[in-house]
């Protein structure tokens, strides 16, 4: 199934090349990788598949621009972010549709993320002029102590697929405000939002070399050499705890500053005196936001015995009533999972629990047809030894 003309025009508006040193260029090897629509499992487009050589070129550009960018007036840096914020807001509908096409979430949720993402740029546009140091008299009284805040230097950013724009602005915003250059590697499943963001920053006057975007099918192959490069001074990653642990180990050699947002562990508790209807409302938000693909999503429910039956029944009713479909379609509340690997993981967890005695109150199966859809599911009587 081909996507609608309006949807195709949004995809076509995004540059599909690498963004290095202020120039859009093909991958050095000429290779490309496909970006899928998870609702159809069909390609939306092809983008540049960057190589380690491309990544090094990106760091070359960032390193070469660092001194000049670090000396730029804070007000100028803030104004660039402010202009980018305004452009994101102006293009909310277009950017939200692009996000839905590559990630799958319902259009309303994509619009909410665009608003969330834009706010990071507005916030840091104002913080750019508030970078303060410290002046103090030491305890002994002799001399003076002066603390100055300076850019740490070229930064490496790796962003996830579940919030493809907000996790970018959350890292890029403070880097621009502080006067740091950067190389960013977006998730290969959802690179279009980041490429669109790079275009907006270019339009907003960000000098070439400050932001460099490398899309690639190999995160380790492209970012690994940069982490080992002495010119890089900071690493920020949002993703799994397992991968984050490895990146911290790799960054130790160069003693990089690291910022890690890893994993999640979110039990949902319902006590015996709870308002069950309110608890169900909260459970839907906690579990189904972003198709359940968020580090903050509830990963287990602990419910008091006295209300467990009522809670499970009402939760199952609400889950069963949720409209599943392409995120771009009107009224859809639950889109597809991001890819077949993630759907297989969900299916394996459900099958394991059912095989050990759990009961499927609703769902518990993949949905027929194209795309990576899995029926909203509620399991009851899940044994403690379930995976």
Protein backbone atom coordinates (compact mmCIF):
# COMPACT_ATOMS: atom_id res chain seq x y z
CA UNK A 1 0.00 0.00 0.00
CA UNK A 2 1.55 3.31 -1.07
CA UNK A 3 1.16 6.32 1.18
CA UNK A 4 -1.12 9.22 0.29
CA UNK A 5 0.15 12.09 -1.87
CA UNK A 6 0.05 14.54 1.06
CA UNK A 7 2.07 12.13 3.16
CA UNK A 8 4.58 11.57 0.37
CA UNK A 9 5.08 15.32 -0.02
CA UNK A 10 6.03 15.56 3.67
CA UNK A 11 8.58 12.78 3.23
CA UNK A 12 9.91 14.35 0.02
CA UNK A 13 10.46 17.69 1.78
CA UNK A 14 13.20 16.23 3.98
CA UNK A 15 16.81 16.09 2.80
CA UNK A 16 17.94 12.45 2.83
CA UNK A 17 21.70 13.11 2.92
CA UNK A 18 24.25 13.46 5.71
CA UNK A 19 24.65 16.96 7.15
CA UNK A 20 28.36 17.63 7.71
CA UNK A 21 30.12 20.97 7.97
CA UNK A 22 27.03 22.83 6.82
CA UNK A 23 26.74 20.78 3.64
CA UNK A 24 24.34 18.04 2.63
CA UNK A 25 26.28 15.14 1.13
CA UNK A 26 25.88 11.51 0.19
CA UNK A 27 27.53 8.77 2.24
CA UNK A 28 31.14 8.28 1.23
CA UNK A 29 30.42 4.71 0.17
CA UNK A 30 27.30 5.74 -1.73
CA UNK A 31 25.14 3.32 0.26
CA UNK A 32 21.63 4.01 1.45
CA UNK A 33 19.27 2.48 3.99
CA UNK A 34 15.51 2.21 3.91
CA UNK A 35 13.23 3.99 6.38
CA UNK A 36 10.09 1.93 6.93
CA UNK A 37 6.53 2.90 7.66
CA UNK A 38 5.80 0.54 10.59
CA UNK A 39 2.10 0.57 9.78
CA UNK A 40 2.73 -1.06 6.39
CA UNK A 41 6.26 -2.51 6.72
CA UNK A 42 6.99 -0.81 3.39
CA UNK A 43 9.79 1.69 2.73
CA UNK A 44 8.99 5.39 2.99
CA UNK A 45 12.27 6.43 1.39
CA UNK A 46 16.00 5.77 1.25
CA UNK A 47 18.53 7.87 3.19
CA UNK A 48 22.31 8.03 3.28
CA UNK A 49 23.95 5.16 5.15
CA UNK A 50 26.96 6.83 6.72
CA UNK A 51 30.35 5.16 7.17
CA UNK A 52 33.00 5.48 9.88
CA UNK A 53 34.82 7.84 7.50
CA UNK A 54 31.73 10.03 7.34
CA UNK A 55 31.54 10.09 11.12
CA UNK A 56 35.17 11.17 11.39
CA UNK A 57 34.51 13.90 8.82
CA UNK A 58 31.61 15.07 11.01
CA UNK A 59 33.88 15.25 14.05
CA UNK A 60 36.48 17.06 11.95
CA UNK A 61 33.85 19.69 11.17
CA UNK A 62 32.68 19.95 14.77
CA UNK A 63 36.22 20.18 16.13
CA UNK A 64 37.22 22.75 13.51
CA UNK A 65 34.27 24.97 14.39
CA UNK A 66 34.48 24.67 18.18
CA UNK A 67 36.73 27.66 18.96
CA UNK A 68 34.79 30.05 16.74
CA UNK A 69 31.39 28.85 17.94
CA UNK A 70 32.43 28.93 21.60
CA UNK A 71 33.28 32.64 21.23
CA UNK A 72 29.93 33.51 19.67
CA UNK A 73 27.89 35.93 21.77
CA UNK A 74 25.39 34.12 24.01
CA UNK A 75 22.62 36.38 22.72
CA UNK A 76 23.34 35.29 19.16
CA UNK A 77 23.23 31.63 20.13
CA UNK A 78 19.96 32.19 21.97
CA UNK A 79 18.39 33.97 18.99
CA UNK A 80 19.19 31.01 16.72
CA UNK A 81 17.37 28.72 19.12
CA UNK A 82 14.47 31.13 19.37
CA UNK A 83 14.08 31.26 15.59
CA UNK A 84 14.25 27.47 15.42
CA UNK A 85 11.59 27.21 18.12
CA UNK A 86 9.28 29.44 16.14
CA UNK A 87 9.80 27.47 12.93
CA UNK A 88 9.07 24.17 14.69
CA UNK A 89 5.83 25.59 16.07
CA UNK A 90 4.86 26.93 12.64
CA UNK A 91 5.42 23.50 11.09
CA UNK A 92 3.83 21.40 13.82
CA UNK A 93 1.36 19.65 11.52
CA UNK A 94 3.98 18.79 8.91
CA UNK A 95 6.55 17.59 11.45
CA UNK A 96 3.96 15.57 13.37
CA UNK A 97 2.85 13.76 10.24
CA UNK A 98 6.46 13.00 9.35
CA UNK A 99 7.02 11.56 12.82
CA UNK A 100 3.88 9.44 12.67
CA UNK A 101 4.88 8.03 9.29
CA UNK A 102 8.31 6.88 10.46
CA UNK A 103 7.54 5.96 14.08
CA UNK A 104 3.87 4.89 13.98
CA UNK A 105 2.38 6.73 16.96
CA UNK A 106 -1.02 8.40 16.65
CA UNK A 107 -0.94 11.84 15.08
CA UNK A 108 -2.21 13.50 18.26
CA UNK A 109 0.74 12.08 20.18
CA UNK A 110 3.18 13.22 17.50
CA UNK A 111 1.78 16.75 17.74
CA UNK A 112 2.24 16.63 21.50
CA UNK A 113 5.86 15.59 21.03
CA UNK A 114 6.51 18.43 18.58
CA UNK A 115 5.24 20.88 21.21
CA UNK A 116 7.40 19.18 23.84
CA UNK A 117 10.43 19.22 21.54
CA UNK A 118 10.04 22.88 20.65
CA UNK A 119 9.93 23.88 24.31
CA UNK A 120 13.51 22.70 24.84
CA UNK A 121 14.66 25.24 22.24
CA UNK A 122 12.59 28.02 23.79
CA UNK A 123 13.92 27.23 27.27
CA UNK A 124 17.57 27.11 26.24
CA UNK A 125 17.23 30.20 24.04
CA UNK A 126 16.57 32.03 27.29
CA UNK A 127 19.20 30.16 29.30
CA UNK A 128 21.96 31.00 26.79
CA UNK A 129 22.27 34.49 28.29
CA UNK A 130 22.25 33.23 31.87
CA UNK A 131 25.50 31.28 31.96
CA UNK A 132 26.89 32.47 35.27
CA UNK A 133 30.14 31.83 37.12
CA UNK A 134 31.08 32.32 40.78
CA UNK A 135 33.27 34.73 42.72
CA UNK A 136 34.21 33.90 46.30
CA UNK A 137 36.67 34.62 49.08
CA UNK A 138 38.47 31.44 50.23
CA UNK A 139 38.24 30.40 53.90
CA UNK A 140 41.79 31.56 54.60
CA UNK A 141 40.94 35.02 53.30
CA UNK A 142 43.95 35.25 50.99
CA UNK A 143 43.32 35.65 47.28
CA UNK A 144 40.05 35.20 45.48
CA UNK A 145 38.30 32.23 43.84
CA UNK A 146 36.80 32.73 40.40
CA UNK A 147 34.75 30.00 38.68
CA UNK A 148 34.05 30.39 34.96
CA UNK A 149 31.76 28.21 32.88
CA UNK A 150 33.03 27.41 29.42
CA UNK A 151 31.90 25.10 26.59
CA UNK A 152 33.12 21.55 27.21
CA UNK A 153 33.88 21.09 23.51
CA UNK A 154 32.62 18.81 20.72
CA UNK A 155 29.76 16.58 21.88
CA UNK A 156 28.52 13.20 20.64
CA UNK A 157 24.78 12.54 20.80
CA UNK A 158 22.93 9.28 20.17
CA UNK A 159 19.14 9.50 20.15
CA UNK A 160 16.42 6.82 20.31
CA UNK A 161 13.55 6.03 17.96
CA UNK A 162 10.65 6.42 20.39
CA UNK A 163 10.84 10.23 20.74
CA UNK A 164 12.79 11.10 17.60
CA UNK A 165 12.59 14.89 17.82
CA UNK A 166 12.25 15.67 21.54
CA UNK A 167 15.30 13.62 22.46
CA UNK A 168 17.19 15.56 19.81
CA UNK A 169 16.16 19.05 20.92
CA UNK A 170 16.77 18.02 24.52
CA UNK A 171 20.46 17.46 23.69
CA UNK A 172 21.00 19.99 20.90
CA UNK A 173 19.38 22.91 22.75
CA UNK A 174 21.76 23.06 25.71
CA UNK A 175 24.77 22.39 23.48
CA UNK A 176 23.96 25.35 21.25
CA UNK A 177 23.24 27.56 24.26
CA UNK A 178 26.55 26.62 25.91
CA UNK A 179 28.61 27.11 22.75
CA UNK A 180 29.37 23.47 21.97
CA UNK A 181 29.55 21.85 18.56
CA UNK A 182 28.19 18.35 18.06
CA UNK A 183 27.82 15.17 16.04
CA UNK A 184 24.45 13.46 16.37
CA UNK A 185 23.50 9.97 15.31
CA UNK A 186 19.71 9.41 15.23
CA UNK A 187 18.16 5.95 15.42
CA UNK A 188 18.06 4.29 12.02
CA UNK A 189 14.32 3.57 12.36
CA UNK A 190 13.38 7.26 12.76
CA UNK A 191 16.02 9.52 11.18
CA UNK A 192 13.66 11.77 9.20
CA UNK A 193 12.61 13.89 12.18
CA UNK A 194 16.26 14.64 12.96
CA UNK A 195 17.05 15.48 9.34
CA UNK A 196 14.07 17.84 9.29
CA UNK A 197 15.32 19.43 12.51
CA UNK A 198 18.77 19.93 11.01
CA UNK A 199 17.16 21.71 8.09
CA UNK A 200 15.25 24.01 10.44
CA UNK A 201 18.41 24.90 12.36
CA UNK A 202 20.22 25.59 9.09
CA UNK A 203 17.39 27.94 8.08
CA UNK A 204 17.57 29.58 11.51
CA UNK A 205 21.17 30.65 10.96
CA UNK A 206 23.14 27.96 12.77
CA UNK A 207 26.67 28.10 11.29
CA UNK A 208 27.93 25.10 9.37
CA UNK A 209 29.88 22.62 11.46
CA UNK A 210 28.07 23.34 14.73
CA UNK A 211 25.54 20.56 14.16
CA UNK A 212 26.53 17.50 12.15
CA UNK A 213 24.08 14.67 11.49
CA UNK A 214 25.25 11.19 10.54
CA UNK A 215 22.58 8.63 9.69
CA UNK A 216 23.78 5.05 9.59
CA UNK A 217 22.71 1.44 9.89
CA UNK A 218 25.66 0.88 12.26
CA UNK A 219 25.64 2.98 15.41
CA UNK A 220 28.71 1.25 16.84
CA UNK A 221 30.62 1.43 13.57
CA UNK A 222 30.13 5.16 13.21
CA UNK A 223 30.13 6.42 16.80
CA UNK A 224 32.70 3.99 18.22
CA UNK A 225 35.68 5.68 16.54
CA UNK A 226 34.44 9.10 17.68
CA UNK A 227 34.14 8.01 21.32
CA UNK A 228 37.79 6.90 21.11
CA UNK A 229 38.85 10.22 19.53
CA UNK A 230 40.50 12.67 21.92
CA UNK A 231 38.76 15.64 20.29
CA UNK A 232 35.35 14.55 21.58
CA UNK A 233 34.68 15.83 25.10
CA UNK A 234 31.14 14.71 25.96
CA UNK A 235 28.80 11.83 25.19
CA UNK A 236 25.03 11.87 25.70
CA UNK A 237 22.90 8.78 25.04
CA UNK A 238 19.24 7.93 25.51
CA UNK A 239 18.41 4.25 25.22
CA UNK A 240 18.76 0.90 26.91
CA UNK A 241 20.73 0.30 30.09
CA UNK A 242 22.67 -2.49 28.38
CA UNK A 243 23.93 -0.25 25.58
CA UNK A 244 24.48 2.68 27.93
CA UNK A 245 26.73 0.58 30.13
CA UNK A 246 28.90 -0.31 27.13
CA UNK A 247 29.12 3.31 26.04
CA UNK A 248 30.20 4.41 29.51
CA UNK A 249 32.94 1.78 29.42
CA UNK A 250 34.10 2.99 26.02
CA UNK A 251 34.06 6.63 27.10
CA UNK A 252 36.30 5.94 30.09
CA UNK A 253 39.44 5.77 27.91
CA UNK A 254 39.15 9.46 26.97
CA UNK A 255 37.44 10.36 30.27
CA UNK A 256 34.47 11.84 28.45
CA UNK A 257 31.76 13.61 30.38
CA UNK A 258 28.69 11.43 29.99
CA UNK A 259 24.95 12.03 30.30
CA UNK A 260 22.90 8.85 30.19
CA UNK A 261 19.13 8.40 30.19
CA UNK A 262 18.75 4.65 30.44
CA UNK A 263 16.00 2.09 30.61
CA UNK A 264 13.09 2.38 32.98
CA UNK A 265 11.41 0.49 35.80
CA UNK A 266 7.84 1.60 36.40
CA UNK A 267 5.53 -0.49 38.59
CA UNK A 268 1.92 0.67 38.82
CA UNK A 269 0.40 0.18 42.28
CA UNK A 270 -3.31 -0.02 43.06
CA UNK A 271 -4.18 -0.16 46.78
CA UNK A 272 -7.36 -1.55 48.30
CA UNK A 273 -8.81 1.92 48.99
CA UNK A 274 -8.21 3.17 45.44
CA UNK A 275 -10.83 4.75 43.21
CA UNK A 276 -10.78 1.95 40.63
CA UNK A 277 -12.10 4.08 37.77
CA UNK A 278 -9.43 6.69 38.41
CA UNK A 279 -6.82 3.93 38.66
CA UNK A 280 -7.87 2.58 35.26
CA UNK A 281 -7.67 6.06 33.76
CA UNK A 282 -4.15 6.39 35.13
CA UNK A 283 -3.19 2.92 33.94
CA UNK A 284 -4.20 3.70 30.35
CA UNK A 285 -2.00 6.80 30.35
CA UNK A 286 0.87 5.06 32.12
CA UNK A 287 0.88 2.04 29.84
CA UNK A 288 -0.38 3.17 26.44
CA UNK A 289 1.26 6.56 25.98
CA UNK A 290 3.47 6.44 22.89
CA UNK A 291 2.10 2.96 22.00
CA UNK A 292 3.65 1.81 25.28
CA UNK A 293 7.10 2.44 23.81
CA UNK A 294 8.46 4.76 26.48
CA UNK A 295 10.99 4.22 29.25
CA UNK A 296 8.40 5.52 31.72
CA UNK A 297 5.68 3.08 30.60
CA UNK A 298 4.28 0.88 33.37
CA UNK A 299 5.90 -2.52 33.03
CA UNK A 300 3.88 -4.36 35.69
CA UNK A 301 0.76 -3.84 37.80
CA UNK A 302 0.53 -4.72 41.49
CA UNK A 303 -3.13 -4.63 42.50
CA UNK A 304 -4.63 -5.30 45.94
CA UNK A 305 -6.65 -8.55 45.99
CA UNK A 306 -9.86 -6.81 47.06
CA UNK A 307 -10.00 -4.69 43.88
CA UNK A 308 -7.98 -6.84 41.48
CA UNK A 309 -10.95 -8.39 39.71
CA UNK A 310 -12.76 -5.10 39.17
CA UNK A 311 -9.59 -3.34 38.07
CA UNK A 312 -8.64 -6.07 35.59
CA UNK A 313 -12.13 -6.21 34.11
CA UNK A 314 -12.39 -2.46 33.62
CA UNK A 315 -8.85 -2.17 32.28
CA UNK A 316 -9.52 -4.96 29.78
CA UNK A 317 -12.70 -3.19 28.62
CA UNK A 318 -10.84 0.07 28.06
CA UNK A 319 -7.97 -1.61 26.25
CA UNK A 320 -10.32 -3.59 24.03
CA UNK A 321 -12.15 -0.40 23.05
CA UNK A 322 -9.00 1.43 21.88
CA UNK A 323 -8.89 1.99 18.13
CA UNK A 324 -5.85 0.38 16.52
CA UNK A 325 -4.57 1.45 13.12
CA UNK A 326 -2.26 3.72 11.14
CA UNK A 327 -1.34 6.66 13.29
CA UNK A 328 -2.24 9.08 10.51
CA UNK A 329 -5.86 7.91 10.42
CA UNK A 330 -8.51 9.84 12.33
CA UNK A 331 -9.45 8.51 15.75
CA UNK A 332 -6.60 6.01 16.02
CA UNK A 333 -5.33 5.64 19.58
CA UNK A 334 -2.84 2.78 19.17
CA UNK A 335 -0.43 2.57 16.26
CA UNK A 336 1.98 -0.19 15.30
CA UNK A 337 5.12 -1.14 17.17
CA UNK A 338 8.29 0.25 15.63
CA UNK A 339 9.51 -2.91 13.86
CA UNK A 340 9.22 -6.66 13.72
CA UNK A 341 11.95 -7.16 16.34
CA UNK A 342 9.96 -5.21 18.92
CA UNK A 343 6.72 -6.97 18.04
CA UNK A 344 8.46 -10.34 18.38
CA UNK A 345 9.74 -9.34 21.83
CA UNK A 346 6.21 -8.45 22.93
CA UNK A 347 4.82 -11.70 21.51
CA UNK A 348 7.53 -13.72 23.27
CA UNK A 349 6.74 -12.09 26.63
CA UNK A 350 3.01 -12.73 26.25
CA UNK A 351 3.51 -16.32 25.08
CA UNK A 352 5.86 -17.01 27.97
CA UNK A 353 3.33 -15.73 30.51
CA UNK A 354 0.44 -17.62 28.92
CA UNK A 355 2.52 -20.78 28.82
CA UNK A 356 3.11 -20.46 32.55
CA UNK A 357 -0.53 -20.06 33.49
CA UNK A 358 -1.48 -16.43 32.85
CA UNK A 359 -4.88 -15.64 31.31
CA UNK A 360 -5.43 -13.28 28.40
CA UNK A 361 -8.33 -11.04 29.44
CA UNK A 362 -8.09 -9.25 26.10
CA UNK A 363 -5.68 -9.40 23.16
CA UNK A 364 -2.61 -11.59 23.39
CA UNK A 365 -1.92 -11.90 19.68
CA UNK A 366 -0.44 -10.24 16.63
CA UNK A 367 -2.90 -8.56 14.32
CA UNK A 368 -3.37 -9.86 10.81
CA UNK A 369 -2.41 -7.77 7.81
CA UNK A 370 0.52 -5.54 7.01
CA UNK A 371 2.53 -3.60 9.53
CA UNK A 372 3.80 -4.37 13.02
CA UNK A 373 0.55 -4.30 14.95
CA UNK A 374 -0.07 -6.16 18.20
CA UNK A 375 -3.49 -6.20 19.80
CA UNK A 376 -3.73 -4.23 23.09
CA UNK A 377 -3.39 -6.89 25.76
CA UNK A 378 -4.25 -7.41 29.40
CA UNK A 379 -3.03 -10.55 31.17
CA UNK A 380 -4.38 -11.75 34.50
CA UNK A 381 -2.93 -14.15 37.07
CA UNK A 382 0.60 -13.65 35.76
CA UNK A 383 2.95 -15.99 37.67
CA UNK A 384 6.06 -14.65 39.33
CA UNK A 385 8.33 -16.76 37.13
CA UNK A 386 7.02 -15.19 33.91
CA UNK A 387 9.76 -13.36 32.01
